[in-house]
N, C-alpha and C. Protein backbone atom coordinates (compact mmCIF):
# COMPACT_ATOMS: atom_id res chain seq x y z
N UNK A 1 -17.38 44.64 -15.31
CA UNK A 1 -16.86 44.35 -14.11
C UNK A 1 -17.74 42.90 -13.47
N UNK A 2 -16.93 41.80 -13.78
CA UNK A 2 -17.68 40.47 -13.37
C UNK A 2 -17.51 39.85 -11.76
N UNK A 3 -18.72 40.23 -11.12
CA UNK A 3 -18.95 39.53 -9.70
C UNK A 3 -18.96 37.86 -9.81
N UNK A 4 -17.80 37.59 -8.69
CA UNK A 4 -17.81 36.23 -8.89
C UNK A 4 -17.73 35.80 -7.41
N UNK A 5 -18.74 35.08 -7.07
CA UNK A 5 -18.73 34.81 -5.72
C UNK A 5 -17.91 33.35 -5.57
N UNK A 6 -16.94 33.01 -4.91
CA UNK A 6 -16.18 32.06 -4.61
C UNK A 6 -16.32 31.21 -3.00
N UNK A 7 -16.77 29.82 -3.15
CA UNK A 7 -16.91 29.72 -1.80
C UNK A 7 -16.55 27.84 -1.79
N UNK A 8 -16.68 27.31 -0.06
CA UNK A 8 -16.18 25.80 -0.04
C UNK A 8 -16.63 25.61 1.34
N UNK A 9 -16.46 24.22 1.30
CA UNK A 9 -16.53 23.72 2.48
C UNK A 9 -15.18 24.06 3.41
N UNK A 10 -15.12 24.36 4.37
CA UNK A 10 -14.31 24.02 5.17
C UNK A 10 -13.24 23.50 4.85
N UNK A 11 -11.88 23.39 4.87
CA UNK A 11 -10.61 22.38 4.49
C UNK A 11 -10.97 22.38 3.05
N UNK A 12 -11.82 22.89 2.34
CA UNK A 12 -11.63 22.35 1.00
C UNK A 12 -10.15 23.02 0.01
N UNK A 13 -9.94 23.86 0.42
CA UNK A 13 -9.25 25.05 0.39
C UNK A 13 -9.27 25.82 -0.79
N UNK A 14 -10.27 27.08 -0.05
CA UNK A 14 -10.70 27.99 -1.00
C UNK A 14 -9.52 28.74 -0.90
N UNK A 15 -8.93 28.72 -0.08
CA UNK A 15 -8.10 30.14 0.25
C UNK A 15 -6.90 30.11 -0.44
N UNK A 16 -6.42 28.44 -0.88
CA UNK A 16 -5.44 28.82 -2.18
C UNK A 16 -5.71 28.76 -3.02
N UNK A 17 -7.53 28.65 -3.79
CA UNK A 17 -7.83 28.94 -5.13
C UNK A 17 -7.76 30.50 -5.17
N UNK A 18 -7.88 31.18 -4.11
CA UNK A 18 -8.43 32.82 -4.31
C UNK A 18 -7.13 33.26 -4.28
N UNK A 19 -5.57 32.54 -3.32
CA UNK A 19 -4.42 33.33 -3.68
C UNK A 19 -4.63 33.32 -5.10
N UNK A 20 -4.17 32.18 -5.96
CA UNK A 20 -4.21 31.45 -7.00
C UNK A 20 -5.15 32.46 -8.10
N UNK A 21 -6.14 33.27 -7.87
CA UNK A 21 -6.81 33.67 -8.99
C UNK A 21 -6.54 35.30 -8.70
N UNK A 22 -5.93 35.62 -7.26
CA UNK A 22 -5.15 36.83 -7.60
C UNK A 22 -3.74 37.33 -8.08
N UNK A 23 -3.08 36.17 -8.11
CA UNK A 23 -1.71 36.06 -8.74
C UNK A 23 -2.36 36.12 -9.88
N UNK A 24 -3.61 35.27 -10.43
CA UNK A 24 -4.05 36.04 -12.10
C UNK A 24 -4.45 37.12 -12.48
N UNK A 25 -4.45 38.02 -11.22
CA UNK A 25 -5.00 39.37 -11.69
C UNK A 25 -6.41 39.48 -11.31
N UNK A 26 -7.26 38.81 -10.45
CA UNK A 26 -8.42 38.82 -9.66
C UNK A 26 -8.20 39.99 -8.37
N UNK A 27 -9.24 40.66 -8.33
CA UNK A 27 -9.14 41.40 -7.29
C UNK A 27 -9.95 40.77 -5.81
N UNK A 28 -9.35 40.96 -4.93
CA UNK A 28 -10.11 39.97 -3.72
C UNK A 28 -11.30 40.73 -2.82
N UNK A 29 -12.38 40.12 -2.71
CA UNK A 29 -13.29 40.56 -1.59
C UNK A 29 -12.95 39.74 -0.52
N UNK A 30 -12.33 39.65 0.34
CA UNK A 30 -12.56 38.64 1.44
C UNK A 30 -13.66 38.90 2.99
N UNK A 31 -14.50 38.30 2.62
CA UNK A 31 -15.65 38.52 3.72
C UNK A 31 -15.43 38.35 5.06
N UNK A 32 -14.14 37.43 5.10
CA UNK A 32 -13.97 37.07 6.60
C UNK A 32 -12.92 38.02 7.45
N UNK A 33 -12.04 38.46 6.11
CA UNK A 33 -10.81 39.39 6.67
C UNK A 33 -11.56 40.86 7.32
N UNK A 34 -12.82 40.96 5.96
CA UNK A 34 -13.44 42.34 6.27
C UNK A 34 -14.45 42.46 7.82
N UNK A 35 -14.77 40.77 7.95
CA UNK A 35 -16.06 41.06 9.17
C UNK A 35 -14.79 41.10 10.64
N UNK A 36 -13.43 41.20 10.29
CA UNK A 36 -12.32 41.01 11.73
C UNK A 36 -12.14 42.55 11.50
N UNK A 37 -12.04 43.22 10.32
CA UNK A 37 -11.55 44.98 10.60
C UNK A 37 -12.70 45.72 10.83
N UNK A 38 -14.25 45.24 10.61
CA UNK A 38 -14.84 46.14 11.00
C UNK A 38 -14.95 45.98 12.39
N UNK A 39 -14.62 45.37 13.16
CA UNK A 39 -14.88 45.32 14.79
C UNK A 39 -13.26 45.62 15.45
N UNK A 40 -12.58 46.07 14.64
CA UNK A 40 -11.22 46.29 15.00
C UNK A 40 -11.35 47.62 16.35
N UNK A 41 -10.24 47.32 17.36
CA UNK A 41 -10.47 48.63 18.60
C UNK A 41 -10.51 49.73 17.45
N UNK A 42 -11.58 50.62 18.33
CA UNK A 42 -11.67 52.19 17.65
C UNK A 42 -12.93 51.83 16.74
N UNK A 43 -13.26 51.13 16.24
CA UNK A 43 -14.78 50.88 15.26
C UNK A 43 -15.55 51.06 15.48
N UNK A 44 -16.86 51.92 15.09
CA UNK A 44 -17.99 51.84 15.51
C UNK A 44 -18.45 50.50 15.50
N UNK A 45 -18.43 49.43 15.02
CA UNK A 45 -18.96 47.96 15.00
C UNK A 45 -18.47 47.54 16.51
N UNK A 46 -16.99 47.77 16.87
CA UNK A 46 -17.02 47.06 18.22
C UNK A 46 -17.47 47.56 19.15
N UNK A 47 -17.82 49.28 19.10
CA UNK A 47 -18.50 50.00 19.82
C UNK A 47 -19.71 49.50 20.10
N UNK A 48 -20.55 48.89 18.92
CA UNK A 48 -21.72 48.18 19.02
C UNK A 48 -22.01 47.09 19.74
N UNK A 49 -21.17 46.19 19.59
CA UNK A 49 -20.98 44.86 20.09
C UNK A 49 -20.75 44.81 21.46
N UNK A 50 -19.93 45.90 22.47
CA UNK A 50 -19.70 46.11 23.43
C UNK A 50 -20.72 46.46 24.15
N UNK A 51 -21.87 47.94 23.69
CA UNK A 51 -22.88 48.00 24.11
C UNK A 51 -23.94 46.54 24.07
N UNK A 52 -24.18 46.01 23.04
CA UNK A 52 -25.28 44.78 23.00
C UNK A 52 -24.77 43.51 24.13
N UNK A 53 -23.21 43.38 24.12
CA UNK A 53 -22.75 41.88 24.88
C UNK A 53 -22.04 42.50 26.27
N UNK A 54 -21.76 43.86 26.50
CA UNK A 54 -21.00 44.08 27.60
C UNK A 54 -19.29 44.27 27.45
N UNK A 55 -18.95 44.50 28.41
CA UNK A 55 -17.72 44.67 28.48
C UNK A 55 -16.86 43.13 28.35
N UNK A 56 -17.29 42.43 28.86
CA UNK A 56 -16.91 41.00 28.91
C UNK A 56 -16.53 39.99 27.87
N UNK A 57 -16.43 40.87 26.76
CA UNK A 57 -16.61 40.23 25.36
C UNK A 57 -15.19 40.74 25.10
N UNK A 58 -14.45 41.86 25.46
CA UNK A 58 -13.08 42.65 25.40
C UNK A 58 -12.04 41.65 26.05
N UNK A 59 -10.82 41.54 25.47
CA UNK A 59 -9.65 41.28 26.23
C UNK A 59 -8.95 42.56 26.75
N UNK A 60 -7.98 42.43 27.20
CA UNK A 60 -7.73 43.54 28.44
C UNK A 60 -7.44 44.46 27.35
N UNK A 61 -6.54 44.12 26.43
CA UNK A 61 -6.32 45.24 25.54
C UNK A 61 -6.99 46.21 24.75
N UNK A 62 -8.78 45.66 25.07
CA UNK A 62 -9.37 46.36 24.68
C UNK A 62 -10.01 45.80 23.15
N UNK A 63 -8.94 44.50 22.38
CA UNK A 63 -9.71 44.31 21.01
C UNK A 63 -11.05 43.29 21.74
N UNK A 64 -11.66 42.56 20.55
CA UNK A 64 -12.62 41.76 20.55
C UNK A 64 -12.15 40.41 20.99
N UNK A 65 -12.90 39.98 21.99
CA UNK A 65 -12.30 38.39 22.48
C UNK A 65 -13.26 37.57 21.92
N UNK A 66 -12.78 36.50 20.57
CA UNK A 66 -13.66 36.36 19.68
C UNK A 66 -14.07 34.72 20.39
N UNK A 67 -13.47 34.11 20.76
CA UNK A 67 -13.79 32.88 21.43
C UNK A 67 -14.77 33.26 22.45
N UNK A 68 -14.80 34.01 23.37
CA UNK A 68 -15.95 34.53 24.43
C UNK A 68 -17.24 34.77 23.77
N UNK A 69 -17.14 35.64 22.77
CA UNK A 69 -18.11 36.20 22.09
C UNK A 69 -19.05 34.99 21.45
N UNK A 70 -18.11 34.17 20.90
CA UNK A 70 -18.66 32.71 20.11
C UNK A 70 -19.45 31.94 21.31
N UNK A 71 -18.68 31.60 22.82
CA UNK A 71 -19.20 30.63 23.24
C UNK A 71 -21.15 31.46 23.79
N UNK A 72 -20.75 32.61 23.86
CA UNK A 72 -22.66 33.21 23.99
C UNK A 72 -23.13 33.28 23.02
N UNK A 73 -22.97 33.64 21.80
CA UNK A 73 -23.98 33.61 20.60
C UNK A 73 -24.16 32.12 19.90
N UNK A 74 -23.16 31.37 19.97
CA UNK A 74 -23.84 30.22 19.59
C UNK A 74 -24.51 28.90 20.40
N UNK A 75 -24.74 29.49 21.65
CA UNK A 75 -25.79 28.79 22.57
C UNK A 75 -26.90 29.09 22.39
N UNK A 76 -27.49 30.70 21.96
CA UNK A 76 -28.21 31.37 21.95
C UNK A 76 -28.75 32.29 20.27
N UNK A 77 -29.79 31.61 19.73
CA UNK A 77 -30.11 32.39 18.28
C UNK A 77 -30.31 33.26 18.36
N UNK A 78 -31.07 33.86 19.26
CA UNK A 78 -31.72 35.05 19.32
C UNK A 78 -30.18 36.31 19.32
N UNK A 79 -29.18 35.71 20.20
CA UNK A 79 -27.95 36.40 19.91
C UNK A 79 -27.12 36.44 19.01
N UNK A 80 -27.10 35.42 18.65
CA UNK A 80 -26.48 35.45 17.31
C UNK A 80 -26.89 35.81 15.94
N UNK A 81 -28.33 36.38 16.07
CA UNK A 81 -29.21 36.94 15.40
C UNK A 81 -28.82 38.46 15.24
N UNK A 82 -29.03 38.58 16.51
CA UNK A 82 -28.33 40.20 17.39
C UNK A 82 -26.75 40.41 16.59
N UNK A 83 -25.97 39.44 16.53
CA UNK A 83 -24.74 39.91 16.37
C UNK A 83 -24.64 40.04 15.02
N UNK A 84 -25.06 39.29 13.94
CA UNK A 84 -25.24 39.14 12.90
C UNK A 84 -25.86 40.37 12.32
N UNK A 85 -27.08 41.11 12.82
CA UNK A 85 -27.23 42.34 12.41
C UNK A 85 -26.48 43.56 12.82
N UNK A 86 -25.66 43.49 13.59
CA UNK A 86 -24.62 44.40 13.39
C UNK A 86 -23.67 44.27 12.74
N UNK A 87 -23.04 42.97 12.33
CA UNK A 87 -21.68 42.99 12.03
C UNK A 87 -22.01 42.73 10.12
N UNK A 88 -23.07 41.95 9.87
CA UNK A 88 -23.28 41.76 8.34
C UNK A 88 -23.67 43.20 7.55
N UNK A 89 -24.55 43.83 8.10
CA UNK A 89 -24.71 45.09 7.03
C UNK A 89 -22.59 46.13 7.00
N UNK A 90 -22.54 45.76 8.10
CA UNK A 90 -20.90 46.80 8.10
C UNK A 90 -20.12 46.14 6.82
N UNK A 91 -20.15 44.62 6.80
CA UNK A 91 -19.45 43.86 5.78
C UNK A 91 -19.69 44.45 4.41
N UNK A 92 -21.24 44.32 4.43
CA UNK A 92 -21.70 44.59 3.19
C UNK A 92 -21.44 45.91 2.64
N UNK A 93 -21.33 46.87 3.55
CA UNK A 93 -21.04 48.44 2.89
C UNK A 93 -19.67 48.21 2.62
N UNK A 94 -18.44 47.75 3.34
CA UNK A 94 -17.25 47.76 3.03
C UNK A 94 -16.97 46.77 1.94
N UNK A 95 -17.89 45.75 1.60
CA UNK A 95 -17.37 44.91 0.31
C UNK A 95 -17.75 46.28 -1.08
N UNK A 96 -19.18 46.70 -0.94
CA UNK A 96 -19.05 47.37 -1.97
C UNK A 96 -18.31 48.66 -1.81
N UNK A 97 -17.94 49.06 -1.04
CA UNK A 97 -16.91 50.42 -1.33
C UNK A 97 -15.77 50.03 -1.94
N UNK A 98 -15.17 48.50 -1.58
CA UNK A 98 -13.75 47.80 -2.12
C UNK A 98 -14.14 47.53 -3.65
N UNK A 99 -15.40 47.25 -3.95
CA UNK A 99 -15.99 46.86 -5.48
C UNK A 99 -15.91 48.08 -6.21
N UNK A 100 -16.52 49.43 -5.42
CA UNK A 100 -16.46 50.25 -6.41
C UNK A 100 -15.16 50.91 -6.66
N UNK A 101 -14.28 50.77 -5.76
CA UNK A 101 -12.95 51.52 -6.27
C UNK A 101 -12.03 50.24 -7.31
N UNK A 102 -12.77 48.98 -7.63
CA UNK A 102 -12.15 48.29 -8.83
C UNK A 102 -12.63 48.97 -9.80
N UNK A 103 -11.26 48.29 -10.69
CA UNK A 103 -11.52 48.69 -12.31
C UNK A 103 -12.81 48.45 -13.15
N UNK A 104 -13.28 49.20 -13.86
CA UNK A 104 -14.27 48.73 -14.70
C UNK A 104 -14.40 47.14 -15.03
N UNK A 105 -13.36 47.03 -15.65
CA UNK A 105 -13.19 46.04 -16.22
C UNK A 105 -12.43 44.42 -15.28
N UNK A 106 -12.85 44.88 -14.45
CA UNK A 106 -12.10 43.77 -12.92
C UNK A 106 -13.02 42.59 -12.85
N UNK A 107 -12.16 41.54 -12.69
CA UNK A 107 -13.06 40.12 -12.31
C UNK A 107 -13.20 40.45 -10.44
N UNK A 108 -13.93 40.22 -9.93
CA UNK A 108 -14.14 40.54 -8.63
C UNK A 108 -14.33 39.37 -8.31
N UNK A 109 -13.48 39.08 -7.07
CA UNK A 109 -13.50 37.30 -6.25
C UNK A 109 -14.05 37.78 -5.06
N UNK A 110 -15.70 37.58 -4.71
CA UNK A 110 -16.07 37.58 -3.17
C UNK A 110 -15.85 36.20 -2.65
N UNK A 111 -14.80 36.43 -1.86
CA UNK A 111 -14.93 34.88 -0.84
C UNK A 111 -15.51 35.29 0.10
N UNK A 112 -16.63 33.83 -0.13
CA UNK A 112 -17.77 34.02 0.99
C UNK A 112 -18.34 32.88 2.06
N UNK A 113 -17.45 32.25 2.54
CA UNK A 113 -17.57 31.30 3.05
C UNK A 113 -19.16 30.53 3.02
N UNK A 114 -20.03 31.44 3.70
CA UNK A 114 -21.37 31.20 3.93
C UNK A 114 -22.38 31.10 2.87
N UNK A 115 -21.76 31.39 1.63
CA UNK A 115 -22.86 31.77 0.38
C UNK A 115 -23.86 30.71 -0.07
N UNK A 116 -23.00 29.60 0.42
CA UNK A 116 -24.70 28.52 0.49
C UNK A 116 -25.52 28.61 1.11
N UNK A 117 -25.22 28.60 2.66
CA UNK A 117 -26.06 29.04 3.54
C UNK A 117 -26.81 30.01 3.58
N UNK A 118 -26.67 30.91 3.51
CA UNK A 118 -27.18 32.31 3.19
C UNK A 118 -28.06 32.68 1.87
N UNK A 119 -27.86 31.77 0.85
CA UNK A 119 -28.66 31.56 -0.03
C UNK A 119 -28.23 33.15 -0.97
N UNK A 120 -27.06 33.41 -1.14
CA UNK A 120 -26.50 34.24 -1.99
C UNK A 120 -25.82 34.33 -3.05
N UNK A 121 -26.20 33.27 -3.81
CA UNK A 121 -25.89 32.81 -5.20
C UNK A 121 -26.33 34.02 -6.34
N UNK A 122 -27.59 34.31 -5.80
CA UNK A 122 -28.07 35.70 -6.97
C UNK A 122 -27.56 36.76 -7.03
N UNK A 123 -26.60 37.33 -6.25
CA UNK A 123 -26.08 38.21 -5.38
C UNK A 123 -25.12 38.20 -6.72
N UNK A 124 -24.32 37.27 -7.57
CA UNK A 124 -22.63 37.04 -8.20
C UNK A 124 -23.45 36.63 -9.85
N UNK A 125 -22.56 37.06 -10.51
CA UNK A 125 -22.82 36.79 -11.84
C UNK A 125 -22.25 35.67 -12.08
N UNK A 126 -21.21 35.15 -11.30
CA UNK A 126 -20.61 33.88 -11.44
C UNK A 126 -20.51 33.33 -9.97
N UNK A 127 -20.88 31.85 -9.89
CA UNK A 127 -20.46 31.26 -8.58
C UNK A 127 -19.26 30.11 -9.11
N UNK A 128 -18.23 30.55 -8.23
CA UNK A 128 -17.31 29.09 -8.29
C UNK A 128 -17.26 28.58 -6.80
N UNK A 129 -17.07 27.15 -6.94
CA UNK A 129 -17.53 26.55 -5.90
C UNK A 129 -16.03 25.23 -5.82
N UNK A 130 -15.40 25.91 -4.75
CA UNK A 130 -14.13 24.84 -4.42
C UNK A 130 -14.75 23.41 -3.96
N UNK A 131 -14.62 22.18 -4.40
CA UNK A 131 -14.90 21.20 -3.99
C UNK A 131 -13.48 20.06 -3.47
N UNK A 132 -14.24 19.41 -2.75
CA UNK A 132 -13.16 18.35 -1.87
C UNK A 132 -13.72 17.34 -1.55
N UNK A 133 -13.55 16.34 -1.10
CA UNK A 133 -14.37 14.79 -0.77
C UNK A 133 -14.23 15.10 0.75
N UNK A 134 -15.16 14.73 1.67
CA UNK A 134 -15.55 15.09 3.01
C UNK A 134 -14.33 14.14 3.54
N UNK A 135 -13.74 13.31 3.05
CA UNK A 135 -12.42 12.58 3.52
C UNK A 135 -11.24 13.58 3.21
N UNK A 136 -11.08 14.31 2.70
CA UNK A 136 -9.78 15.07 2.34
C UNK A 136 -10.19 16.69 3.19
N UNK A 137 -10.99 16.86 3.40
CA UNK A 137 -11.52 18.04 4.25
C UNK A 137 -11.05 17.74 5.67
N UNK A 138 -11.74 16.44 6.25
CA UNK A 138 -11.07 16.05 7.49
C UNK A 138 -9.93 15.73 7.64
N UNK A 139 -8.97 15.39 6.41
CA UNK A 139 -7.40 15.34 6.76
C UNK A 139 -6.72 16.34 6.87
N UNK A 140 -7.38 17.24 6.22
CA UNK A 140 -6.70 18.74 5.95
C UNK A 140 -6.80 19.74 7.54
N UNK A 141 -8.19 19.31 7.80
CA UNK A 141 -8.55 20.15 8.95
C UNK A 141 -7.63 19.33 10.16
N UNK A 142 -7.53 18.17 10.40
CA UNK A 142 -6.58 17.12 11.36
C UNK A 142 -5.14 17.64 11.44
N UNK A 143 -4.71 17.71 9.97
CA UNK A 143 -3.53 17.14 10.03
C UNK A 143 -2.79 18.67 9.80
N UNK A 144 -3.72 19.61 8.93
CA UNK A 144 -2.50 20.80 9.08
C UNK A 144 -3.63 22.04 9.80
N UNK A 145 -4.80 21.85 10.19
CA UNK A 145 -5.06 23.04 11.33
C UNK A 145 -5.16 22.76 13.06
N UNK A 146 -4.90 21.46 13.04
CA UNK A 146 -4.49 20.96 14.42
C UNK A 146 -5.73 20.57 15.01
N UNK A 147 -7.09 20.24 14.34
CA UNK A 147 -8.39 20.47 15.06
C UNK A 147 -8.34 18.92 15.59
N UNK A 148 -9.13 18.63 16.32
CA UNK A 148 -9.65 17.30 16.79
C UNK A 148 -10.58 16.43 15.73
N UNK A 149 -10.78 15.12 15.81
CA UNK A 149 -11.54 14.71 14.60
C UNK A 149 -12.80 15.28 14.75
N UNK A 150 -13.13 15.30 16.25
CA UNK A 150 -14.45 15.59 16.53
C UNK A 150 -15.04 16.71 16.12
N UNK A 151 -14.01 17.60 16.67
CA UNK A 151 -14.31 19.45 16.34
C UNK A 151 -14.46 19.35 14.41
N UNK A 152 -13.96 18.77 13.60
CA UNK A 152 -13.50 18.83 12.87
C UNK A 152 -14.92 18.64 12.10
N UNK A 153 -15.34 17.31 12.48
CA UNK A 153 -16.86 16.99 11.43
C UNK A 153 -17.69 17.85 12.07
N UNK A 154 -17.47 18.42 13.70
CA UNK A 154 -18.76 19.15 13.81
C UNK A 154 -18.74 20.62 13.02
N UNK A 155 -17.48 21.09 12.29
CA UNK A 155 -17.59 22.16 11.56
C UNK A 155 -17.98 21.65 10.44
N UNK A 156 -17.60 20.81 9.88
CA UNK A 156 -18.14 20.25 8.67
C UNK A 156 -19.82 20.19 8.65
N UNK A 157 -20.41 19.61 9.73
CA UNK A 157 -21.59 19.25 9.52
C UNK A 157 -22.55 20.68 9.52
N UNK A 158 -21.64 21.17 10.57
CA UNK A 158 -22.67 22.84 10.78
C UNK A 158 -22.47 23.54 9.47
N UNK A 159 -22.02 23.41 8.63
CA UNK A 159 -22.15 23.62 6.99
C UNK A 159 -23.43 23.38 6.06
N UNK A 160 -23.30 24.41 4.96
CA UNK A 160 -23.94 23.47 4.03
C UNK A 160 -23.48 22.05 3.62
N UNK A 161 -24.28 20.92 2.81
CA UNK A 161 -23.82 19.98 2.50
C UNK A 161 -22.94 20.20 1.16
N UNK A 162 -22.21 19.22 0.94
CA UNK A 162 -21.61 19.26 -0.40
C UNK A 162 -22.58 19.54 -1.59
N UNK A 163 -23.68 18.82 -1.89
CA UNK A 163 -24.68 18.61 -2.77
C UNK A 163 -25.06 19.81 -2.88
N UNK A 164 -25.20 20.62 -1.53
CA UNK A 164 -26.00 21.89 -1.91
C UNK A 164 -25.11 22.99 -2.54
N UNK A 165 -24.17 23.05 -2.22
CA UNK A 165 -23.12 23.39 -2.54
C UNK A 165 -22.98 23.50 -4.21
N UNK A 166 -22.38 22.43 -4.46
CA UNK A 166 -22.70 22.10 -6.14
C UNK A 166 -23.86 22.44 -6.82
N UNK A 167 -24.84 22.49 -6.05
CA UNK A 167 -26.37 22.79 -6.77
C UNK A 167 -26.15 24.46 -7.48
N UNK A 168 -25.55 25.18 -6.48
CA UNK A 168 -25.47 26.61 -7.19
C UNK A 168 -24.50 26.82 -7.78
N UNK A 169 -23.52 25.98 -8.08
CA UNK A 169 -22.01 26.36 -8.93
C UNK A 169 -22.66 26.33 -10.13
N UNK A 170 -21.77 27.52 -10.85
CA UNK A 170 -22.03 27.68 -11.94
C UNK A 170 -20.42 27.06 -12.63
N UNK A 171 -19.58 27.21 -11.55
CA UNK A 171 -18.19 26.57 -12.07
C UNK A 171 -17.35 25.81 -10.96
N UNK A 172 -17.01 24.50 -10.96
CA UNK A 172 -16.44 23.81 -9.75
C UNK A 172 -15.18 23.57 -10.06
N UNK A 173 -14.56 23.72 -9.23
CA UNK A 173 -12.89 23.70 -9.26
C UNK A 173 -12.56 22.03 -8.03
N UNK A 174 -12.39 21.02 -8.78
CA UNK A 174 -11.77 19.99 -7.92
C UNK A 174 -10.48 19.98 -6.94
N UNK A 175 -10.35 19.92 -5.77
CA UNK A 175 -9.22 20.59 -5.13
C UNK A 175 -9.19 19.27 -4.18
N UNK A 176 -9.29 17.75 -5.09
CA UNK A 176 -8.49 16.47 -4.71
C UNK A 176 -7.69 16.08 -5.19
N UNK A 177 -7.10 16.95 -5.30
CA UNK A 177 -5.70 17.14 -6.59
C UNK A 177 -4.38 17.65 -6.14
N UNK A 178 -3.41 17.19 -6.37
CA UNK A 178 -1.77 17.76 -6.04
C UNK A 178 -2.15 19.62 -6.67
N UNK A 179 -1.38 20.15 -5.95
CA UNK A 179 -1.00 21.66 -6.32
C UNK A 179 -1.03 22.20 -7.58
N UNK A 180 -0.18 21.23 -8.36
CA UNK A 180 0.19 21.30 -10.14
C UNK A 180 -1.18 21.43 -10.63
N UNK A 181 -1.93 20.32 -10.52
CA UNK A 181 -3.56 20.48 -11.03
C UNK A 181 -4.20 21.26 -10.50
N UNK A 182 -4.25 21.93 -9.46
CA UNK A 182 -5.17 22.87 -9.42
C UNK A 182 -4.71 24.22 -9.89
N UNK A 183 -3.43 24.36 -9.86
CA UNK A 183 -2.93 25.62 -10.15
C UNK A 183 -3.28 25.38 -11.89
N UNK A 184 -3.34 24.49 -12.59
CA UNK A 184 -3.79 24.15 -14.09
C UNK A 184 -5.37 24.78 -13.98
N UNK A 185 -6.14 23.90 -13.60
CA UNK A 185 -7.57 24.08 -13.40
C UNK A 185 -7.71 25.90 -13.04
N UNK A 186 -7.17 26.59 -12.01
CA UNK A 186 -7.56 27.84 -11.75
C UNK A 186 -7.29 28.57 -12.66
N UNK A 187 -5.65 28.32 -13.73
CA UNK A 187 -5.72 29.23 -14.79
C UNK A 187 -6.86 29.33 -15.64
N UNK A 188 -7.34 27.92 -15.90
CA UNK A 188 -8.22 27.33 -16.90
C UNK A 188 -9.33 28.69 -16.46
N UNK A 189 -10.13 28.60 -15.03
CA UNK A 189 -11.05 28.98 -14.65
C UNK A 189 -11.07 30.85 -14.75
N UNK A 190 -9.82 31.23 -14.47
CA UNK A 190 -9.22 32.58 -15.04
C UNK A 190 -9.68 33.07 -16.45
N UNK A 191 -8.83 32.13 -17.17
CA UNK A 191 -9.07 32.49 -18.61
C UNK A 191 -10.58 32.77 -18.94
N UNK A 192 -11.56 32.16 -18.55
CA UNK A 192 -13.06 31.86 -18.24
C UNK A 192 -13.69 32.99 -18.09
N UNK A 193 -13.05 33.14 -16.58
CA UNK A 193 -13.86 34.20 -16.18
C UNK A 193 -13.43 35.84 -16.51
N UNK A 194 -12.14 36.26 -17.16
CA UNK A 194 -11.57 37.03 -18.03
C UNK A 194 -12.65 37.33 -18.92
N UNK A 195 -12.55 36.03 -19.88
CA UNK A 195 -13.35 36.39 -21.18
C UNK A 195 -14.68 36.96 -20.83
N UNK A 196 -15.51 36.45 -19.97
CA UNK A 196 -16.62 36.46 -19.48
C UNK A 196 -16.48 38.53 -19.35
N UNK A 197 -15.65 38.72 -18.61
CA UNK A 197 -15.89 40.17 -18.14
C UNK A 197 -15.39 41.02 -19.16
N UNK A 198 -14.70 40.54 -20.21
CA UNK A 198 -14.91 41.46 -21.61
C UNK A 198 -15.81 41.45 -22.55
N UNK A 199 -16.65 40.67 -22.10
CA UNK A 199 -17.91 40.73 -23.08
C UNK A 199 -18.86 42.14 -22.59
N UNK A 200 -19.62 42.47 -23.80
CA UNK A 200 -20.57 43.35 -23.33
C UNK A 200 -21.58 43.14 -22.71
N UNK A 201 -22.01 43.73 -21.77
CA UNK A 201 -23.10 43.63 -20.70
C UNK A 201 -24.48 43.49 -21.87
N UNK A 202 -25.79 42.57 -21.67
CA UNK A 202 -26.47 41.93 -22.53
C UNK A 202 -27.43 43.44 -22.24
N UNK A 203 -28.32 43.67 -23.36
CA UNK A 203 -29.15 44.97 -23.74
C UNK A 203 -30.39 44.56 -22.23
């Protein structure tokens, strides 16, 4: 099994790259998706969050009010740390379960938005960074996600710098290109990853 950490700045196009890798045959473990699953109604994760933050973080239907919780934790570092201490172990445990269920010869892609920020590169055999210029990121966030320019710039500034991400990269995918070129790059990367996965482990 080859464990691959996939990351990239907001608006860099990481989701498209992960989709293309799955088309090629990769097993995808999406940290953001798992983080939502572990706090769905009826889960121990949600119950722990309500215990810590109160019923006010719930919608009327019992689901988590993410914007409300966000306003609480992002204004208070201690409360953000508390939330992370609840959610992160659940995400790690579920990710480990999904990885254990993958075939022995699988290329397992861990889609981790904050890989650089949380210094997680050593956890993976290979780190793939999807790279795009800040201008491209900003354009995508404003044009495709309908963010205001101010919000987009704030989200970008809150992440690791482009240089920091590139420092930890074993492989860089340039996503300042048309989709056809991106697809060619991803297919080349897939051949590389599949080859690495087929090699015997070092003694």
